[in-house]
Structure formats: structure tokens, C-alpha cells
C-alpha atoms as a PDB file:
ATOM      1  CA  MET A   1     -26.135  90.452  58.062  1.00  0.00           C
ATOM      2  CA  ALA A   2     -27.557  89.229  55.496  1.00  0.00           C
ATOM      3  CA  ALA A   3     -30.980  88.504  57.498  1.00  0.00           C
ATOM      4  CA  ALA A   4     -31.100  92.432  57.429  1.00  0.00           C
ATOM      5  CA  ILE A   5     -30.625  92.793  53.459  1.00  0.00           C
ATOM      6  CA  ARG A   6     -34.037  91.225  53.401  1.00  0.00           C
ATOM      7  CA  CYS A   7     -37.513  91.319  50.990  1.00  0.00           C
ATOM      8  CA  THR A   8     -40.415  91.689  53.108  1.00  0.00           C
ATOM      9  CA  CYS A   9     -42.835  91.528  50.035  1.00  0.00           C
ATOM     10  CA  ALA A  10     -43.915  89.169  47.610  1.00  0.00           C
ATOM     11  CA  VAL A  11     -41.373  89.581  44.382  1.00  0.00           C
ATOM     12  CA  ASN A  12     -41.856  87.314  41.376  1.00  0.00           C
ATOM     13  CA  ASN A  13     -38.995  89.526  39.469  1.00  0.00           C
ATOM     14  CA  PRO A  14     -36.865  86.587  39.017  1.00  0.00           C
ATOM     15  CA  ARG A  15     -33.681  89.743  38.634  1.00  0.00           C
ATOM     16  CA  ILE A  16     -34.453  91.331  41.822  1.00  0.00           C
ATOM     17  CA  SER A  17     -34.430  87.933  44.054  1.00  0.00           C
ATOM     18  CA  THR A  18     -31.249  87.739  42.022  1.00  0.00           C
ATOM     19  CA  PHE A  19     -29.913  90.846  43.567  1.00  0.00           C
ATOM     20  CA  VAL A  20     -31.253  90.776  47.151  1.00  0.00           C
ATOM     21  CA  SER A  21     -29.368  87.141  46.869  1.00  0.00           C
ATOM     22  CA  LEU A  22     -26.048  88.574  45.768  1.00  0.00           C
ATOM     23  CA  ARG A  23     -25.506  91.651  47.955  1.00  0.00           C
ATOM     24  CA  SER A  24     -26.496  89.762  50.905  1.00  0.00           C
ATOM     25  CA  LEU A  25     -23.900  86.413  49.456  1.00  0.00           C
ATOM     26  CA  SER A  26     -21.246  90.038  48.894  1.00  0.00           C
ATOM     27  CA  THR A  27     -21.633  91.278  52.577  1.00  0.00           C
ATOM     28  CA  ALA A  28     -20.980  87.936  54.223  1.00  0.00           C
ATOM     29  CA  GLN A  29     -18.440  87.303  51.915  1.00  0.00           C
ATOM     30  CA  ILE A  30     -16.790  91.297  53.037  1.00  0.00           C
ATOM     31  CA  LEU A  31     -16.997  90.646  56.629  1.00  0.00           C
ATOM     32  CA  ALA A  32     -15.508  87.607  56.788  1.00  0.00           C
ATOM     33  CA  SER A  33     -12.554  88.784  54.737  1.00  0.00           C
ATOM     34  CA  GLY A  34     -12.323  91.044  57.377  1.00  0.00           C
ATOM     35  CA  HIS A  35     -12.427  88.897  60.792  1.00  0.00           C
ATOM     36  CA  ASN A  36     -10.089  86.277  58.604  1.00  0.00           C
ATOM     37  CA  ARG A  37      -7.203  89.382  57.996  1.00  0.00           C
ATOM     38  CA  TRP A  38      -8.191  90.601  61.685  1.00  0.00           C
ATOM     39  CA  SER A  39      -7.361  87.802  62.486  1.00  0.00           C
ATOM     40  CA  LYS A  40      -3.855  86.890  60.699  1.00  0.00           C
ATOM     41  CA  ILE A  41      -2.984  89.819  62.483  1.00  0.00           C
ATOM     42  CA  LYS A  42      -3.719  89.217  65.719  1.00  0.00           C
ATOM     43  CA  HIS A  43      -2.720  85.586  65.844  1.00  0.00           C
ATOM     44  CA  ASP A  44       0.749  87.597  63.759  1.00  0.00           C
ATOM     45  CA  LYS A  45       0.804  90.171  66.882  1.00  0.00           C
ATOM     46  CA  ILE A  46       0.864  87.033  69.939  1.00  0.00           C
ATOM     47  CA  LYS A  47       3.866  85.374  67.828  1.00  0.00           C
ATOM     48  CA  ILE A  48       5.952  88.512  67.539  1.00  0.00           C
ATOM     49  CA  ASP A  49       5.204  88.936  70.821  1.00  0.00           C
ATOM     50  CA  ALA A  50       6.110  85.435  72.579  1.00  0.00           C
ATOM     51  CA  VAL A  51       9.590  85.240  70.246  1.00  0.00           C
ATOM     52  CA  ARG A  52      10.533  89.032  71.526  1.00  0.00           C
ATOM     53  CA  SER A  53       9.319  87.630  75.739  1.00  0.00           C
ATOM     54  CA  LYS A  54      11.574  84.911  75.142  1.00  0.00           C
ATOM     55  CA  GLU A  55      14.909  87.195  73.038  1.00  0.00           C
ATOM     56  CA  ARG A  56      14.273  89.197  76.758  1.00  0.00           C
ATOM     57  CA  ALA A  57      13.791  86.719  79.128  1.00  0.00           C
ATOM     58  CA  GLN A  58      16.894  85.164  77.351  1.00  0.00           C
ATOM     59  CA  TRP A  59      19.060  88.580  77.477  1.00  0.00           C
ATOM     60  CA  SER A  60      17.838  88.774  81.085  1.00  0.00           C
ATOM     61  CA  ARG A  61      19.641  85.583  82.026  1.00  0.00           C
ATOM     62  CA  ASN A  62      22.594  86.074  79.827  1.00  0.00           C
ATOM     63  CA  ILE A  63      23.597  88.458  81.927  1.00  0.00           C
ATOM     64  CA  GLN A  64      22.276  87.397  85.520  1.00  0.00           C
ATOM     65  CA  GLU A  65      24.511  84.328  85.021  1.00  0.00           C
ATOM     66  CA  ALA A  66      27.359  86.861  84.098  1.00  0.00           C
ATOM     67  CA  VAL A  67      26.933  89.004  87.246  1.00  0.00           C
ATOM     68  CA  LYS A  68      26.479  85.825  89.404  1.00  0.00           C
ATOM     69  CA  LYS A  69      30.294  84.491  87.756  1.00  0.00           C
ATOM     70  CA  ASN A  70      32.357  87.807  88.159  1.00  0.00           C
ATOM     71  CA  GLY A  71      29.905  90.444  89.836  1.00  0.00           C
ATOM     72  CA  GLY A  72      27.205  93.401  88.993  1.00  0.00           C
ATOM     73  CA  ASP A  73      30.305  96.241  87.808  1.00  0.00           C
ATOM     74  CA  PRO A  74      30.598  96.433  83.882  1.00  0.00           C
ATOM     75  CA  THR A  75      33.961  98.407  84.191  1.00  0.00           C
ATOM     76  CA  SER A  76      35.507  95.390  86.303  1.00  0.00           C
ATOM     77  CA  ASN A  77      33.184  92.548  84.284  1.00  0.00           C
ATOM     78  CA  SER A  78      34.714  92.135  80.710  1.00  0.00           C
ATOM     79  CA  GLU A  79      31.770  90.083  80.109  1.00  0.00           C
ATOM     80  CA  LEU A  80      29.381  91.195  81.104  1.00  0.00           C
ATOM     81  CA  SER A  81      30.007  95.002  79.315  1.00  0.00           C
ATOM     82  CA  THR A  82      30.212  93.346  76.454  1.00  0.00           C
ATOM     83  CA  LEU A  83      26.591  91.378  77.081  1.00  0.00           C
ATOM     84  CA  VAL A  84      24.618  95.210  78.126  1.00  0.00           C
ATOM     85  CA  ALA A  85      26.130  96.607  75.370  1.00  0.00           C
ATOM     86  CA  GLN A  86      24.811  93.741  73.213  1.00  0.00           C
ATOM     87  CA  ALA A  87      21.194  93.455  74.848  1.00  0.00           C
ATOM     88  CA  LYS A  88      20.469  98.036  74.483  1.00  0.00           C
ATOM     89  CA  LYS A  89      21.678  96.994  70.356  1.00  0.00           C
ATOM     90  CA  SER A  90      18.917  94.369  70.230  1.00  0.00           C
ATOM     91  CA  GLY A  91      16.113  96.904  71.855  1.00  0.00           C
ATOM     92  CA  LEU A  92      15.884  95.489  76.261  1.00  0.00           C
ATOM     93  CA  PRO A  93      14.776  98.356  78.332  1.00  0.00           C
ATOM     94  CA  LYS A  94      17.066  99.564  80.593  1.00  0.00           C
ATOM     95  CA  ASP A  95      15.294  99.167  83.641  1.00  0.00           C
ATOM     96  CA  LEU A  96      14.939  95.277  83.011  1.00  0.00           C
ATOM     97  CA  ILE A  97      19.022  95.576  82.166  1.00  0.00           C
ATOM     98  CA  GLU A  98      19.216  97.238  85.615  1.00  0.00           C
ATOM     99  CA  ARG A  99      16.286  94.082  86.700  1.00  0.00           C
ATOM    100  CA  ALA A 100      19.238  91.570  85.681  1.00  0.00           C
ATOM    101  CA  ILE A 101      22.186  92.508  86.856  1.00  0.00           C
ATOM    102  CA  ALA A 102      20.379  93.111  91.012  1.00  0.00           C
ATOM    103  CA  LYS A 103      18.711  89.367  90.387  1.00  0.00           C
ATOM    104  CA  GLY A 104      22.273  87.996  89.852  1.00  0.00           C
ATOM    105  CA  LYS A 105      22.694  89.601  93.045  1.00  0.00           C
ATOM    106  CA  GLY A 106      20.318  87.627  94.898  1.00  0.00           C
ATOM    107  CA  LEU A 107      18.215  91.303  94.741  1.00  0.00           C
ATOM    108  CA  SER A 108      15.132  93.091  93.995  1.00  0.00           C
ATOM    109  CA  LEU A 109      15.142  96.163  92.050  1.00  0.00           C
ATOM    110  CA  SER A 110      14.534  97.771  95.714  1.00  0.00           C
ATOM    111  CA  GLY A 111      17.571  96.496  96.882  1.00  0.00           C
ATOM    112  CA  ASP A 112      15.865  93.952  99.517  1.00  0.00           C
ATOM    113  CA  PRO A 113      17.074  90.090  98.897  1.00  0.00           C
ATOM    114  CA  LEU A 114      15.183  87.972  96.304  1.00  0.00           C
ATOM    115  CA  GLN A 115      12.867  84.624  97.518  1.00  0.00           C
ATOM    116  CA  THR A 116      13.979  81.203  96.376  1.00  0.00           C
ATOM    117  CA  ILE A 117      11.206  79.158  96.039  1.00  0.00           C
ATOM    118  CA  THR A 118      11.394  75.418  94.147  1.00  0.00           C
ATOM    119  CA  VAL A 119       8.064  73.868  92.845  1.00  0.00           C
ATOM    120  CA  GLU A 120       6.879  70.656  92.574  1.00  0.00           C
ATOM    121  CA  ALA A 121       5.170  69.703  89.429  1.00  0.00           C
ATOM    122  CA  MET A 122       3.847  67.046  86.990  1.00  0.00           C
ATOM    123  CA  LEU A 123       3.483  68.214  83.363  1.00  0.00           C
ATOM    124  CA  PRO A 124       2.065  67.059  80.256  1.00  0.00           C
ATOM    125  CA  PRO A 125       2.510  63.867  79.286  1.00  0.00           C
ATOM    126  CA  LEU A 126       2.617  62.134  83.269  1.00  0.00           C
ATOM    127  CA  VAL A 127       6.743  64.322  82.632  1.00  0.00           C
ATOM    128  CA  SER A 128       7.694  64.686  86.485  1.00  0.00           C
ATOM    129  CA  ALA A 129       9.359  68.219  86.797  1.00  0.00           C
ATOM    130  CA  ILE A 130      10.992  70.597  89.147  1.00  0.00           C
ATOM    131  CA  ILE A 131      11.265  73.807  88.699  1.00  0.00           C
ATOM    132  CA  GLU A 132      13.121  76.693  90.838  1.00  0.00           C
ATOM    133  CA  CYS A 133      12.100  79.918  90.559  1.00  0.00           C
ATOM    134  CA  GLN A 134      13.648  83.272  92.069  1.00  0.00           C
ATOM    135  CA  THR A 135      11.136  86.304  93.120  1.00  0.00           C
ATOM    136  CA  ASP A 136       9.735  89.313  95.229  1.00  0.00           C
ATOM    137  CA  ASN A 137       6.613  87.869  95.462  1.00  0.00           C
ATOM    138  CA  LYS A 138       6.215  84.625  96.368  1.00  0.00           C
ATOM    139  CA  LYS A 139       2.203  84.611  97.133  1.00  0.00           C
ATOM    140  CA  ARG A 140       1.651  86.431  92.871  1.00  0.00           C
ATOM    141  CA  THR A 141       4.396  83.652  91.684  1.00  0.00           C
ATOM    142  CA  LEU A 142       2.521  81.415  93.053  1.00  0.00           C
ATOM    143  CA  GLU A 143       0.147  81.616  91.884  1.00  0.00           C
ATOM    144  CA  ASP A 144       0.805  82.710  88.882  1.00  0.00           C
ATOM    145  CA  LEU A 145       2.515  79.038  88.089  1.00  0.00           C
ATOM    146  CA  ARG A 146      -0.654  77.399  89.150  1.00  0.00           C
ATOM    147  CA  LEU A 147      -2.314  79.272  86.532  1.00  0.00           C
ATOM    148  CA  LEU A 148      -0.374  78.703  84.190  1.00  0.00           C
ATOM    149  CA  LEU A 149       0.776  74.772  84.788  1.00  0.00           C
ATOM    150  CA  LYS A 150      -3.312  74.346  84.979  1.00  0.00           C
ATOM    151  CA  GLY A 151      -3.705  75.910  81.705  1.00  0.00           C
ATOM    152  CA  ALA A 152      -1.294  73.744  80.093  1.00  0.00           C
ATOM    153  CA  GLY A 153      -3.469  70.427  81.525  1.00  0.00           C
ATOM    154  CA  GLY A 154       0.140  70.013  84.482  1.00  0.00           C
ATOM    155  CA  MET A 155      -0.229  70.729  88.364  1.00  0.00           C
ATOM    156  CA  ILE A 156       1.718  71.232  91.259  1.00  0.00           C
ATOM    157  CA  THR A 157       2.185  67.724  93.475  1.00  0.00           C
ATOM    158  CA  PRO A 158       4.891  66.645  94.773  1.00  0.00           C
ATOM    159  CA  THR A 159       7.876  65.362  92.275  1.00  0.00           C
ATOM    160  CA  SER A 160      11.108  65.375  94.326  1.00  0.00           C
ATOM    161  CA  HIS A 161      11.439  62.425  95.831  1.00  0.00           C
ATOM    162  CA  LEU A 162      12.158  61.200  91.941  1.00  0.00           C
ATOM    163  CA  PHE A 163      14.985  62.917  91.593  1.00  0.00           C
ATOM    164  CA  ASP A 164      18.996  63.708  92.914  1.00  0.00           C
ATOM    165  CA  ARG A 165      20.980  66.824  93.865  1.00  0.00           C
ATOM    166  CA  LYS A 166      23.965  67.138  92.096  1.00  0.00           C
ATOM    167  CA  GLY A 167      26.503  69.996  91.704  1.00  0.00           C
ATOM    168  CA  HIS A 168      27.238  70.714  88.197  1.00  0.00           C
ATOM    169  CA  ILE A 169      30.598  72.325  86.615  1.00  0.00           C
ATOM    170  CA  MET A 170      30.710  72.931  83.224  1.00  0.00           C
ATOM    171  CA  LEU A 171      34.056  73.527  82.400  1.00  0.00           C
ATOM    172  CA  GLU A 172      35.440  74.820  79.019  1.00  0.00           C
ATOM    173  CA  SER A 173      38.260  74.570  76.270  1.00  0.00           C
ATOM    174  CA  LYS A 174      39.375  75.852  73.517  1.00  0.00           C
ATOM    175  CA  GLY A 175      40.864  73.031  71.691  1.00  0.00           C
ATOM    176  CA  GLU A 176      39.328  69.686  71.735  1.00  0.00           C
ATOM    177  CA  LEU A 177      39.648  67.086  75.008  1.00  0.00           C
ATOM    178  CA  GLU A 178      40.886  64.110  74.852  1.00  0.00           C
ATOM    179  CA  GLU A 179      39.044  61.341  76.758  1.00  0.00           C
ATOM    180  CA  GLU A 180      41.066  59.085  78.874  1.00  0.00           C
ATOM    181  CA  GLN A 181      43.124  61.741  79.373  1.00  0.00           C
ATOM    182  CA  ILE A 182      40.623  64.098  81.452  1.00  0.00           C
ATOM    183  CA  MET A 183      39.003  60.866  82.557  1.00  0.00           C
ATOM    184  CA  GLU A 184      42.075  60.888  85.496  1.00  0.00           C
ATOM    185  CA  HIS A 185      42.252  63.898  86.628  1.00  0.00           C
ATOM    186  CA  VAL A 186      38.477  63.646  86.770  1.00  0.00           C
ATOM    187  CA  ILE A 187      37.343  61.140  88.983  1.00  0.00           C
ATOM    188  CA  ALA A 188      40.910  62.050  91.088  1.00  0.00           C
ATOM    189  CA  ALA A 189      39.709  65.820  92.051  1.00  0.00           C
ATOM    190  CA  GLY A 190      36.584  63.288  93.546  1.00  0.00           C
ATOM    191  CA  ALA A 191      33.379  64.239  90.816  1.00  0.00           C
ATOM    192  CA  LEU A 192      31.140  60.884  90.631  1.00  0.00           C
ATOM    193  CA  ASP A 193      30.663  61.215  86.873  1.00  0.00           C
ATOM    194  CA  MET A 194      31.719  63.320  83.464  1.00  0.00           C
ATOM    195  CA  GLU A 195      29.869  63.606  79.610  1.00  0.00           C
ATOM    196  CA  LEU A 196      32.071  65.286  76.785  1.00  0.00           C
ATOM    197  CA  GLY A 197      30.454  67.864  74.544  1.00  0.00           C
ATOM    198  CA  LYS A 198      30.107  66.651  70.701  1.00  0.00           C
ATOM    199  CA  ASP A 199      31.888  69.292  69.715  1.00  0.00           C
ATOM    200  CA  ARG A 200      34.723  67.600  72.264  1.00  0.00           C
ATOM    201  CA  ARG A 201      36.276  70.763  73.569  1.00  0.00           C
ATOM    202  CA  SER A 202      33.316  71.483  77.029  1.00  0.00           C
ATOM    203  CA  LEU A 203      33.606  69.227  79.408  1.00  0.00           C
ATOM    204  CA  SER A 204      30.106  68.963  81.806  1.00  0.00           C
ATOM    205  CA  VAL A 205      31.449  66.607  85.545  1.00  0.00           C
ATOM    206  CA  TYR A 206      28.658  66.323  87.983  1.00  0.00           C
ATOM    207  CA  THR A 207      30.145  66.189  91.889  1.00  0.00           C
ATOM    208  CA  ASN A 208      28.365  65.900  94.965  1.00  0.00           C
ATOM    209  CA  PRO A 209      26.648  69.168  95.578  1.00  0.00           C
ATOM    210  CA  ASN A 210      29.070  70.716  98.484  1.00  0.00           C
ATOM    211  CA  GLU A 211      31.870  69.430  96.657  1.00  0.00           C
ATOM    212  CA  THR A 212      30.900  71.131  93.191  1.00  0.00           C
ATOM    213  CA  ALA A 213      33.646  74.530  94.246  1.00  0.00           C
ATOM    214  CA  SER A 214      36.615  72.711  95.659  1.00  0.00           C
ATOM    215  CA  ILE A 215      36.079  70.019  92.358  1.00  0.00           C
ATOM    216  CA  ALA A 216      35.534  72.955  89.949  1.00  0.00           C
ATOM    217  CA  GLN A 217      38.769  74.639  91.475  1.00  0.00           C
ATOM    218  CA  SER A 218      40.658  71.547  91.062  1.00  0.00           C
ATOM    219  CA  LEU A 219      39.451  70.948  87.949  1.00  0.00           C
ATOM    220  CA  SER A 220      40.418  74.304  86.118  1.00  0.00           C
ATOM    221  CA  ALA A 221      43.746  74.285  87.478  1.00  0.00           C
ATOM    222  CA  SER A 222      44.665  70.344  86.727  1.00  0.00           C
ATOM    223  CA  LEU A 223      43.298  70.595  83.007  1.00  0.00           C
ATOM    224  CA  GLY A 224      44.078  74.390  82.590  1.00  0.00           C
ATOM    225  CA  LEU A 225      39.565  75.294  81.795  1.00  0.00           C
ATOM    226  CA  ASN A 226      37.932  77.825  82.071  1.00  0.00           C
ATOM    227  CA  VAL A 227      34.273  76.696  83.770  1.00  0.00           C
ATOM    228  CA  GLY A 228      31.702  78.256  82.096  1.00  0.00           C
ATOM    229  CA  SER A 229      29.276  77.967  85.100  1.00  0.00           C
ATOM    230  CA  SER A 230      29.231  75.837  88.676  1.00  0.00           C
ATOM    231  CA  GLU A 231      26.279  75.361  90.340  1.00  0.00           C
ATOM    232  CA  ILE A 232      23.700  72.809  91.956  1.00  0.00           C
ATOM    233  CA  ILE A 233      20.727  70.834  89.726  1.00  0.00           C
ATOM    234  CA  TRP A 234      18.729  68.686  89.854  1.00  0.00           C
ATOM    235  CA  VAL A 235      18.853  65.550  88.380  1.00  0.00           C
ATOM    236  CA  ALA A 236      16.307  62.787  87.247  1.00  0.00           C
ATOM    237  CA  ARG A 237      16.674  59.604  89.381  1.00  0.00           C
ATOM    238  CA  PRO A 238      17.165  56.685  86.343  1.00  0.00           C
ATOM    239  CA  GLU A 239      14.759  54.255  86.503  1.00  0.00           C
ATOM    240  CA  SER A 240      12.361  58.033  87.040  1.00  0.00           C
ATOM    241  CA  VAL A 241      12.883  59.311  83.069  1.00  0.00           C
ATOM    242  CA  VAL A 242      10.141  59.116  80.366  1.00  0.00           C
ATOM    243  CA  ASP A 243      10.947  58.080  77.015  1.00  0.00           C
ATOM    244  CA  MET A 244      10.117  60.241  74.509  1.00  0.00           C
ATOM    245  CA  GLU A 245      11.422  59.461  71.958  1.00  0.00           C
ATOM    246  CA  GLU A 246       8.620  56.805  71.078  1.00  0.00           C
ATOM    247  CA  ALA A 247       5.581  59.310  72.742  1.00  0.00           C
ATOM    248  CA  GLU A 248       3.222  60.573  69.244  1.00  0.00           C
ATOM    249  CA  GLU A 249       4.694  64.430  67.653  1.00  0.00           C
ATOM    250  CA  GLU A 250       1.647  65.550  69.373  1.00  0.00           C
ATOM    251  CA  PRO A 251       2.780  64.918  73.542  1.00  0.00           C
ATOM    252  CA  ARG A 252       6.244  65.953  72.780  1.00  0.00           C
ATOM    253  CA  LEU A 253       4.766  69.027  70.681  1.00  0.00           C
ATOM    254  CA  ALA A 254       2.716  70.024  74.133  1.00  0.00           C
ATOM    255  CA  LEU A 255       5.787  68.917  76.602  1.00  0.00           C
ATOM    256  CA  GLY A 256       8.125  71.420  74.940  1.00  0.00           C
ATOM    257  CA  GLU A 257       5.632  74.212  74.416  1.00  0.00           C
ATOM    258  CA  ILE A 258       5.211  73.954  79.038  1.00  0.00           C
ATOM    259  CA  ILE A 259       8.377  74.404  79.617  1.00  0.00           C
ATOM    260  CA  SER A 260       9.679  77.314  76.485  1.00  0.00           C
ATOM    261  CA  LYS A 261       6.481  79.136  78.520  1.00  0.00           C
ATOM    262  CA  LEU A 262       7.900  79.052  82.420  1.00  0.00           C
ATOM    263  CA  LEU A 263      11.444  79.713  80.867  1.00  0.00           C
ATOM    264  CA  TYR A 264      10.490  82.428  79.201  1.00  0.00           C
ATOM    265  CA  SER A 265       6.637  83.893  79.700  1.00  0.00           C
ATOM    266  CA  SER A 266       7.066  86.384  82.860  1.00  0.00           C
ATOM    267  CA  THR A 267       5.535  85.127  85.091  1.00  0.00           C
ATOM    268  CA  SER A 268       4.176  89.132  86.332  1.00  0.00           C
ATOM    269  CA  THR A 269       2.489  89.302  82.934  1.00  0.00           C
ATOM    270  CA  LEU A 270       0.630  85.577  83.161  1.00  0.00           C
ATOM    271  CA  PRO A 271      -3.036  86.497  83.934  1.00  0.00           C
ATOM    272  CA  SER A 272      -3.488  85.982  87.907  1.00  0.00           C
ATOM    273  CA  ALA A 273      -5.344  84.459  90.161  1.00  0.00           C
ATOM    274  CA  LYS A 274      -7.564  87.502  90.653  1.00  0.00           C
ATOM    275  CA  GLY A 275      -7.640  88.247  86.856  1.00  0.00           C
ATOM    276  CA  GLU A 276      -4.976  91.034  87.021  1.00  0.00           C
ATOM    277  CA  ILE A 277      -1.674  91.356  84.726  1.00  0.00           C
ATOM    278  CA  GLY A 278       1.448  92.967  84.811  1.00  0.00           C
ATOM    279  CA  GLN A 279       3.856  95.089  83.454  1.00  0.00           C
ATOM    280  CA  ILE A 280       7.122  93.228  83.066  1.00  0.00           C
ATOM    281  CA  GLU A 281       8.400  91.982  80.233  1.00  0.00           C
ATOM    282  CA  GLY A 282      10.650  89.891  79.603  1.00  0.00           C
ATOM    283  CA  ASP A 283      11.704  89.239  84.060  1.00  0.00           C
ATOM    284  CA  SER A 284      10.590  85.749  84.610  1.00  0.00           C
ATOM    285  CA  SER A 285      11.118  83.955  87.770  1.00  0.00           C
ATOM    286  CA  VAL A 286      11.690  81.170  87.017  1.00  0.00           C
ATOM    287  CA  GLN A 287      15.070  80.382  86.976  1.00  0.00           C
ATOM    288  CA  ALA A 288      15.589  76.344  85.804  1.00  0.00           C
ATOM    289  CA  VAL A 289      12.681  73.561  84.750  1.00  0.00           C
ATOM    290  CA  TYR A 290      14.565  70.051  85.758  1.00  0.00           C
ATOM    291  CA  HIS A 291      12.314  67.517  84.469  1.00  0.00           C
ATOM    292  CA  ASN A 292      12.678  63.151  83.449  1.00  0.00           C
ATOM    293  CA  ALA A 293      11.876  63.549  80.110  1.00  0.00           C
ATOM    294  CA  VAL A 294      14.758  62.077  77.530  1.00  0.00           C
END
């Protein structure tokens, strides 16, 4: 704009030249201020949208877990009923609640079975990962994940040889647990390893994949504990572990950011390879991200 307010005649009067100069400067300041204000508004909106998407994704995951544990009928599943009520109160749309319940059953909203896909990848900086997804459109999910990983400096490449498949059981107690007392039960049940929670009210137990359900039932009965979750997971082999404690702050933050995006950004709202943008929020196809960073 400063160039547009330019005097084309020779002016010897210093008052006139000062006026032109000030007017140019003033106009540039106003435009810059407006531009900065719009940039700040846009930046704040992106942050708010990201937080909202993360909250919606977390509600969806909690609902899915409740369905997997005790079924998809809120009238007979008190945990699911409570979660649905809380999700509605927080603003989660009805269609996303219905979608989460369906996904907990392994179904799409149309009733068709969801496909389970496993994606092996490298994340920056040189961290191996395995990404598990449930989707009704395998091709779209793979395209979206490839785009997200590429934008973050990662790539899809074989990494499963750096992990072992294990069963993981989370047991919960109302009171504090004594490690020595429960260790005998864990060994007798045939588990591979155990880890007591920091609050001493939760217990993680690792098993062979084909023994997970039976050991969960056995420990729940012998210890009188509730089974919080029982699943098959990927665990990084000790020799493949990448220590991030000594890494610089920027790589650690970058790793945390991409894992957060994988878990909480809807793959169907990412720009696809064809430039299309989906309209579903908080419905990420990604179910879990396993990695070898500590």
C-alpha cells in the first residue's frame, strides 16, 4: 500500500513530504495489525479445533472399550450408559456416539464388519512403530496414514521384527496391593511378567497371546480383582528400544506430536492424496500406536 500512496510531482515543501511519508507508514501499520490479528484468530481456532477433536476421539475410544467389555446395550451395560450420558453432556454428537458403539462391536454404522489393518512405520527420530486401525475403507485409511506420516518426516516400512506379540491384562483393586502376595498368584497362573502401578491399586500382567483370556479369568478369581482390560498388544524387544531421555527437547516433542495426531486426529478429516477432505470429526481409524521409544 505504501507504493500506491506515492507523490508523482516534485515537492519541495517538507510538510507535504512528511505527510505523505506518515500516511504511508500509518497505512502499512494498520494492514500489518489486521493481518497479525487474523493470523492469531486462525491459530487460536486451529488449537481449539485440535483440542475438541482430541476430546471427541477420547470419548469415542472410551465408549468403544465399554462396548467391548460388556456389550453395546446401555440398558444392560452401566459403564456404557454412564459414558454415553457424559459424552452427550460434553457435546459429542449423537451420530458419533452411535458410530463409537458400532465400532466397539466391530461394525460400521451400516452394519458391515470393520476391517482390521496393521501399519508398520518409522517415526522421527528413528523410532519404530506399529499402528493398528479399524476401518470401513482400507484404501482411504492407508492413504491418509501415508500422508500424515510423510508430513511428519516418517514413512511406512517394515518394523514388526523389532516387536513381540503379547497379551496384556490390566487388573484393578479398591485397596493397595502387596507385590509379594500377588506375585505367587501371577506365577502360578502362567503369566510372563507383571508390573504394579504407582498407586499400588492396579496391576499389569503380560502373557502369551493365546493364554490371555484364561489367565485374566484365573487372576481375577484368585486375587478378587476386576479386569479393567484384556488385549493383545505389541511390545518392543529390549535390544530395539530407543532411549529418548537423552534426546534433545525438539525431537521428543516432535515424536509426542505425531503420536498424538495418529491417535486423536481423524484420518477421515485429513487431506487425502486426492485432495478430498472428510467431514467426520473425532472418529479416528487408529486404535493404538505401539513404539519402541522410552
